[in-house]
Structure formats: structure tokens, C-alpha cells
């Protein structure tokens, strides 16, 4: 009986010393270690006395630590598995986003291609419409003739006449297929050289108005005839000879018959001899200039 009591006392004492030793550690022990310590110590104490208690407590502590580590490892594996699952989901979502981005890029490229084609179609249609309008304008103006009249000894164009020429020049500028012949004349008075120079100055003055309106120089043909075509012998006839005659002709059209002398129609109104049409509206000769 005393021997059994002695074993219990020694066992409790050694376990107390072990508990004190464990309590001195700064690292917190997992919950499985105290359980293993107590259980191992009790079993060892009853099985082999005080020494067995110490050994059992140590083994129990070690087993408790192993159980704790096994549980932690299981938790870590579960966390790793969860992270792997999250990674796979993230990769799947990333792949889906990349696929959507690729599809969107292809859609945008296709849309840009269609817009480019549409823009080209609109430009082609606009060019075709402009070409058709220019051709129509050229056909309307083809063959048109008219005279610009001047005062005696002058190459100055009257303001109202200059305005009419400007309107005509703008129409010609929009119709590249039109050509303009500009023929300058003078009446019979004065020397041939002076009248030739004067008729050239008159033709150049009209030409300059066409150039200012945007008509190319290649579309203009300028001639000066001086008094070589003069046939008038009265003041009214000579007033009609101080002129610049304009003749419009579309490219590819038959040349328009031009009159280089004053016909009865010239003497009657000074507005040209092409069916009464005049691109500038004609002008009355100034009174008293002979």
C-alpha cells in the first residue's frame, strides 16, 4: 500500500516538474500537447512508476505535437487546394476576358473596314455627281458667244460688265471641260500698231478676270486682231468694233463658227451673233465716242 502511494506521489511530483518546465517555454504549445502530456504521464506512471510517468509524459507530448502538426498540415493542404482552385478560376476568367478582347478587336477592325468602304463609296458618288454636273454645265455653255464693249482708246472694263464676266468665269472654273477664246478688236481709227496693242490690252484685261475667278491659263486662248477686221464707217458701227469677243467651247465638241467682222446682228444690238445669247449681258456703246 505504501509502495503504491509512493508511486503516485513521485508521479505527481515529476509531472509537476515537467509542467513547470513546459510553462517556462515562451512558445505557446498547441492544445494537443498538454492533453498528450497528461495522458502519457498518467499511463506511464501506473505502468512503470515515476520514471515511466516522465517517459510517458514526454511521449504523450510528442504524440500530441505530431497530431497538432498533422492537423495543421491538413489545414495547409486545404488552403493550398483552395488557392489552386482560385488560381484556376482566375485563369479561366482571364482567358475568357482575353477571348472577349480578341472578339472586340476583330469587331472593331471589321467596323472600321466597313466605314472605310462606305467613305470611299460616298467619295466616289460625290466625284461622279460633280463630274456629271460639270459635264452638264459644259454642254449648256458650249457655243456661247458674247461681246465686251470698250470706250474709244480704252482697255478699261466697266464695273457692271466686270461683274457679269466674273459670274461667267466662276461657271467656267467649275467646268474644266470648257475652253474660252478671248478675241480683242479695235475700230479703224488710228495706226495699225496702236490698234493692235490696244486690242491686246483689252483681251488681256478680260483674261485677267477669268484668271482671278480660278480659270486655268490653259483653258484660255487670247488673240488680238487690232483693226484688221474693222469694216464700220459710222460712229455706231465703230462703237461695236471696240470689243472683246468671248467664245465658249466644250472639249471634244465641234468648233463654233466665229465671226471676226461686224455682222448686221452686231450692228443691231452688240450682244453677239449666237442666237442673241450673251454670257456677259452685252453693253451699250458710250455716246459721243467716235
Protein backbone atom coordinates (compact mmCIF):
# COMPACT_ATOMS: atom_id res chain seq x y z
CA UNK A 1 0.00 0.00 0.00
CA UNK A 2 2.81 2.35 0.88
CA UNK A 3 4.56 1.45 -2.32
CA UNK A 4 1.52 2.39 -4.40
CA UNK A 5 1.14 5.68 -2.57
CA UNK A 6 4.81 6.40 -3.06
CA UNK A 7 4.45 5.85 -6.80
CA UNK A 8 1.56 8.25 -7.01
CA UNK A 9 3.47 10.89 -5.09
CA UNK A 10 6.55 10.53 -7.25
CA UNK A 11 4.47 10.54 -10.40
CA UNK A 12 2.59 13.70 -9.45
CA UNK A 13 5.83 15.37 -8.42
CA UNK A 14 7.61 14.57 -11.65
CA UNK A 15 4.60 15.65 -13.66
CA UNK A 16 4.57 18.92 -11.71
CA UNK A 17 8.24 19.48 -12.50
CA UNK A 18 7.52 18.75 -16.15
CA UNK A 19 4.57 21.14 -16.14
CA UNK A 20 6.78 23.85 -14.64
CA UNK A 21 9.41 23.17 -17.28
CA UNK A 22 6.82 23.37 -20.02
CA UNK A 23 5.35 26.52 -18.52
CA UNK A 24 8.77 28.18 -18.79
CA UNK A 25 8.74 27.97 -22.61
CA UNK A 26 7.78 31.20 -24.33
CA UNK A 27 6.36 29.48 -27.41
CA UNK A 28 2.66 28.66 -26.90
CA UNK A 29 2.01 24.95 -27.04
CA UNK A 30 -0.69 23.55 -29.26
CA UNK A 31 -3.77 22.19 -27.43
CA UNK A 32 -2.84 18.60 -28.27
CA UNK A 33 0.48 18.75 -26.32
CA UNK A 34 -1.00 19.27 -22.79
CA UNK A 35 -3.53 16.53 -23.42
CA UNK A 36 -0.81 14.16 -24.58
CA UNK A 37 1.43 15.21 -21.72
CA UNK A 38 -1.16 14.48 -19.02
CA UNK A 39 -2.43 11.30 -20.60
CA UNK A 40 1.05 9.91 -21.26
CA UNK A 41 2.24 10.82 -17.77
CA UNK A 42 -0.68 9.05 -16.07
CA UNK A 43 -0.38 5.93 -18.16
CA UNK A 44 3.41 5.82 -17.76
CA UNK A 45 3.19 6.40 -14.02
CA UNK A 46 0.84 3.49 -13.43
CA UNK A 47 2.74 1.28 -15.80
CA UNK A 48 6.34 1.90 -14.75
CA UNK A 49 6.40 4.24 -11.82
CA UNK A 50 7.90 7.71 -11.67
CA UNK A 51 10.35 7.11 -14.48
CA UNK A 52 7.56 5.73 -16.63
CA UNK A 53 5.46 8.80 -15.91
CA UNK A 54 8.18 11.09 -17.14
CA UNK A 55 8.75 8.98 -20.22
CA UNK A 56 5.01 8.67 -20.85
CA UNK A 57 4.54 12.41 -20.47
CA UNK A 58 7.28 13.06 -22.98
CA UNK A 59 5.90 10.54 -25.41
CA UNK A 60 2.40 11.90 -24.93
CA UNK A 61 3.64 15.44 -25.57
CA UNK A 62 5.45 14.32 -28.71
CA UNK A 63 2.37 12.48 -29.96
CA UNK A 64 0.18 15.49 -29.21
CA UNK A 65 2.57 17.70 -31.15
CA UNK A 66 2.51 15.24 -34.06
CA UNK A 67 -1.29 15.25 -34.02
CA UNK A 68 -1.26 19.03 -33.98
CA UNK A 69 1.18 19.19 -36.87
CA UNK A 70 -0.86 16.67 -38.81
CA UNK A 71 -3.94 18.84 -38.33
CA UNK A 72 -2.04 21.97 -39.36
CA UNK A 73 -0.70 20.17 -42.41
CA UNK A 74 -4.21 19.13 -43.36
CA UNK A 75 -5.38 22.71 -42.99
CA UNK A 76 -2.43 23.95 -45.06
CA UNK A 77 -3.19 21.40 -47.76
CA UNK A 78 -6.81 22.51 -47.76
CA UNK A 79 -5.71 26.13 -48.08
CA UNK A 80 -3.34 25.22 -50.90
CA UNK A 81 -6.11 23.31 -52.65
CA UNK A 82 -8.41 26.32 -52.23
CA UNK A 83 -5.72 28.63 -53.61
CA UNK A 84 -5.19 26.29 -56.55
CA UNK A 85 -8.93 26.33 -57.21
CA UNK A 86 -8.98 30.13 -57.02
CA UNK A 87 -5.99 30.27 -59.36
CA UNK A 88 -7.70 28.02 -61.88
CA UNK A 89 -10.86 30.11 -61.70
CA UNK A 90 -8.82 33.28 -62.16
CA UNK A 91 -7.01 31.77 -65.15
CA UNK A 92 -10.35 30.73 -66.63
CA UNK A 93 -11.77 34.22 -66.15
CA UNK A 94 -8.60 35.76 -67.59
CA UNK A 95 -8.85 33.50 -70.64
CA UNK A 96 -12.48 34.47 -71.11
CA UNK A 97 -11.60 38.18 -70.87
CA UNK A 98 -8.78 37.76 -73.40
CA UNK A 99 -11.17 35.97 -75.76
CA UNK A 100 -13.70 38.78 -75.37
CA UNK A 101 -10.96 41.35 -76.02
CA UNK A 102 -9.91 39.48 -79.15
CA UNK A 103 -13.50 39.31 -80.38
CA UNK A 104 -13.98 43.02 -79.67
CA UNK A 105 -10.79 43.86 -81.56
CA UNK A 106 -11.92 41.85 -84.57
CA UNK A 107 -15.35 43.51 -84.42
CA UNK A 108 -13.77 46.98 -84.29
CA UNK A 109 -11.48 46.15 -87.21
CA UNK A 110 -14.42 44.89 -89.25
CA UNK A 111 -16.40 48.03 -88.39
CA UNK A 112 -13.50 50.27 -89.40
CA UNK A 113 -13.21 48.37 -92.66
CA UNK A 114 -16.91 48.87 -93.40
CA UNK A 115 -16.67 52.57 -92.53
CA UNK A 116 -13.67 52.96 -94.83
CA UNK A 117 -15.53 51.24 -97.67
CA UNK A 118 -18.57 53.43 -97.04
CA UNK A 119 -16.42 56.57 -97.07
CA UNK A 120 -14.85 55.53 -100.37
CA UNK A 121 -18.28 54.83 -101.82
CA UNK A 122 -19.54 58.25 -100.74
CA UNK A 123 -16.44 59.93 -102.17
CA UNK A 124 -16.86 58.05 -105.46
CA UNK A 125 -20.53 59.02 -105.65
CA UNK A 126 -19.70 62.65 -104.88
CA UNK A 127 -16.99 62.67 -107.55
CA UNK A 128 -19.37 61.09 -110.06
CA UNK A 129 -22.04 63.69 -109.25
CA UNK A 130 -19.53 66.52 -109.57
CA UNK A 131 -18.26 65.14 -112.88
CA UNK A 132 -21.83 64.82 -114.17
CA UNK A 133 -22.64 68.37 -113.06
CA UNK A 134 -19.50 69.71 -114.72
CA UNK A 135 -20.30 67.87 -117.94
CA UNK A 136 -23.85 69.23 -117.91
CA UNK A 137 -22.59 72.77 -117.33
CA UNK A 138 -20.12 72.40 -120.19
CA UNK A 139 -22.88 71.25 -122.53
CA UNK A 140 -25.10 74.18 -121.53
CA UNK A 141 -22.35 76.76 -122.06
CA UNK A 142 -20.88 75.16 -125.18
CA UNK A 143 -21.03 77.53 -128.14
CA UNK A 144 -21.95 80.60 -126.12
CA UNK A 145 -20.62 83.91 -127.54
CA UNK A 146 -20.74 87.47 -126.31
CA UNK A 147 -19.00 90.83 -126.63
CA UNK A 148 -17.42 93.10 -124.03
CA UNK A 149 -17.50 96.71 -125.31
CA UNK A 150 -14.96 99.46 -124.55
CA UNK A 151 -14.70 103.25 -124.87
CA UNK A 152 -12.56 104.83 -127.53
CA UNK A 153 -8.85 104.32 -126.87
CA UNK A 154 -9.51 102.49 -123.56
CA UNK A 155 -8.94 98.96 -122.26
CA UNK A 156 -10.81 99.58 -119.01
CA UNK A 157 -13.80 97.33 -118.33
CA UNK A 158 -16.92 98.97 -116.92
CA UNK A 159 -17.79 97.76 -113.37
CA UNK A 160 -21.17 96.28 -114.35
CA UNK A 161 -19.51 94.46 -117.26
CA UNK A 162 -16.72 93.17 -114.98
CA UNK A 163 -19.37 91.76 -112.63
CA UNK A 164 -21.04 89.86 -115.49
CA UNK A 165 -17.69 88.49 -116.66
CA UNK A 166 -16.97 87.35 -113.08
CA UNK A 167 -20.20 85.33 -112.96
CA UNK A 168 -19.38 83.69 -116.26
CA UNK A 169 -15.79 83.00 -115.16
CA UNK A 170 -16.98 81.23 -111.99
CA UNK A 171 -19.16 78.92 -114.09
CA UNK A 172 -16.23 78.18 -116.40
CA UNK A 173 -13.96 77.49 -113.40
CA UNK A 174 -16.39 74.80 -112.24
CA UNK A 175 -16.39 73.19 -115.69
CA UNK A 176 -12.80 72.18 -116.56
CA UNK A 177 -14.03 70.76 -119.88
CA UNK A 178 -14.78 74.29 -121.13
CA UNK A 179 -12.32 76.36 -123.13
CA UNK A 180 -12.62 80.13 -123.61
CA UNK A 181 -11.44 82.04 -126.66
CA UNK A 182 -10.78 85.73 -125.98
CA UNK A 183 -10.50 87.85 -129.16
CA UNK A 184 -9.63 91.55 -128.90
CA UNK A 185 -10.60 94.11 -131.59
CA UNK A 186 -10.36 97.84 -132.29
CA UNK A 187 -12.08 100.18 -134.75
CA UNK A 188 -10.37 101.54 -137.87
CA UNK A 189 -9.24 104.89 -136.48
CA UNK A 190 -5.55 105.21 -135.59
CA UNK A 191 -2.48 103.32 -136.71
CA UNK A 192 -2.43 99.57 -137.14
CA UNK A 193 0.29 99.14 -134.48
CA UNK A 194 -1.55 101.25 -131.89
CA UNK A 195 -4.83 99.46 -132.51
CA UNK A 196 -3.14 96.05 -132.32
CA UNK A 197 -1.64 96.98 -128.96
CA UNK A 198 -4.98 98.34 -127.77
CA UNK A 199 -6.89 95.21 -128.80
CA UNK A 200 -4.31 93.06 -126.99
CA UNK A 201 -4.67 95.15 -123.83
CA UNK A 202 -8.46 94.73 -124.00
CA UNK A 203 -8.19 90.95 -124.42
CA UNK A 204 -5.69 90.70 -121.54
CA UNK A 205 -7.99 92.72 -119.25
CA UNK A 206 -10.80 90.23 -119.84
CA UNK A 207 -8.40 87.29 -119.47
CA UNK A 208 -7.26 88.61 -116.07
CA UNK A 209 -10.85 88.49 -114.77
CA UNK A 210 -11.11 84.83 -115.75
CA UNK A 211 -7.79 84.01 -114.07
CA UNK A 212 -8.89 85.81 -110.90
CA UNK A 213 -12.00 83.61 -110.79
CA UNK A 214 -9.91 80.42 -110.84
CA UNK A 215 -9.95 79.56 -114.55
CA UNK A 216 -6.64 77.97 -115.57
CA UNK A 217 -4.46 79.73 -118.09
CA UNK A 218 -4.51 76.54 -120.20
CA UNK A 219 -8.28 76.96 -120.62
CA UNK A 220 -7.89 80.41 -122.17
CA UNK A 221 -6.93 81.29 -125.74
CA UNK A 222 -6.15 85.01 -126.18
CA UNK A 223 -5.92 86.70 -129.59
CA UNK A 224 -5.54 90.31 -130.70
CA UNK A 225 -6.68 91.45 -134.17
CA UNK A 226 -6.36 95.24 -133.91
CA UNK A 227 -8.28 97.00 -136.69
CA UNK A 228 -7.68 94.22 -139.25
CA UNK A 229 -11.32 93.12 -139.07
CA UNK A 230 -12.87 96.58 -138.98
CA UNK A 231 -15.48 97.38 -141.66
CA UNK A 232 -17.60 100.05 -139.94
CA UNK A 233 -17.77 103.57 -141.38
CA UNK A 234 -20.12 105.22 -138.91
CA UNK A 235 -19.98 106.01 -135.14
CA UNK A 236 -22.41 103.28 -134.11
CA UNK A 237 -20.59 100.62 -136.11
CA UNK A 238 -17.19 101.69 -134.78
CA UNK A 239 -18.55 101.51 -131.18
CA UNK A 240 -19.38 97.84 -131.74
CA UNK A 241 -15.87 97.18 -133.09
CA UNK A 242 -14.21 98.32 -129.86
CA UNK A 243 -14.80 94.97 -128.23
CA UNK A 244 -13.53 91.65 -126.89
CA UNK A 245 -15.47 88.66 -128.17
CA UNK A 246 -15.79 85.62 -125.85
CA UNK A 247 -16.46 82.17 -127.29
CA UNK A 248 -17.02 79.13 -125.07
CA UNK A 249 -16.44 75.62 -126.34
CA UNK A 250 -16.52 72.23 -124.60
CA UNK A 251 -13.63 69.84 -125.18
CA UNK A 252 -14.40 67.35 -127.91
CA UNK A 253 -17.19 69.47 -129.38
CA UNK A 254 -17.16 70.77 -132.94
CA UNK A 255 -15.60 74.23 -133.22
CA UNK A 256 -18.15 77.03 -133.08
CA UNK A 257 -18.28 79.24 -136.17
CA UNK A 258 -16.79 82.58 -135.16
CA UNK A 259 -17.45 85.91 -136.85
CA UNK A 260 -14.44 88.16 -136.90
CA UNK A 261 -16.31 91.07 -138.57
CA UNK A 262 -19.30 93.08 -137.57
CA UNK A 263 -22.41 91.42 -138.96
CA UNK A 264 -25.82 93.06 -139.19
CA UNK A 265 -26.69 91.38 -135.89
CA UNK A 266 -23.65 93.08 -134.29
CA UNK A 267 -24.81 96.43 -135.50
CA UNK A 268 -28.30 95.80 -134.20
CA UNK A 269 -27.55 95.13 -130.54
CA UNK A 270 -23.89 94.39 -129.70
CA UNK A 271 -24.82 91.22 -127.79
CA UNK A 272 -23.10 88.71 -130.06
CA UNK A 273 -24.28 86.65 -133.05
CA UNK A 274 -25.01 83.27 -131.35
CA UNK A 275 -28.81 83.36 -131.31
CA UNK A 276 -28.85 86.51 -129.23
CA UNK A 277 -27.18 84.79 -126.22
CA UNK A 278 -24.53 86.76 -124.39
CA UNK A 279 -22.60 85.46 -121.37
CA UNK A 280 -22.00 88.96 -120.09
CA UNK A 281 -25.29 90.59 -120.96
CA UNK A 282 -23.78 92.95 -123.58
CA UNK A 283 -23.19 96.68 -123.16
CA UNK A 284 -24.36 99.78 -124.92
CA UNK A 285 -21.65 101.80 -126.69
CA UNK A 286 -20.81 105.06 -124.96
CA UNK A 287 -22.38 108.05 -126.56
CA UNK A 288 -20.25 110.56 -128.41
CA UNK A 289 -17.16 108.29 -128.88
CA UNK A 290 -16.10 108.10 -132.48
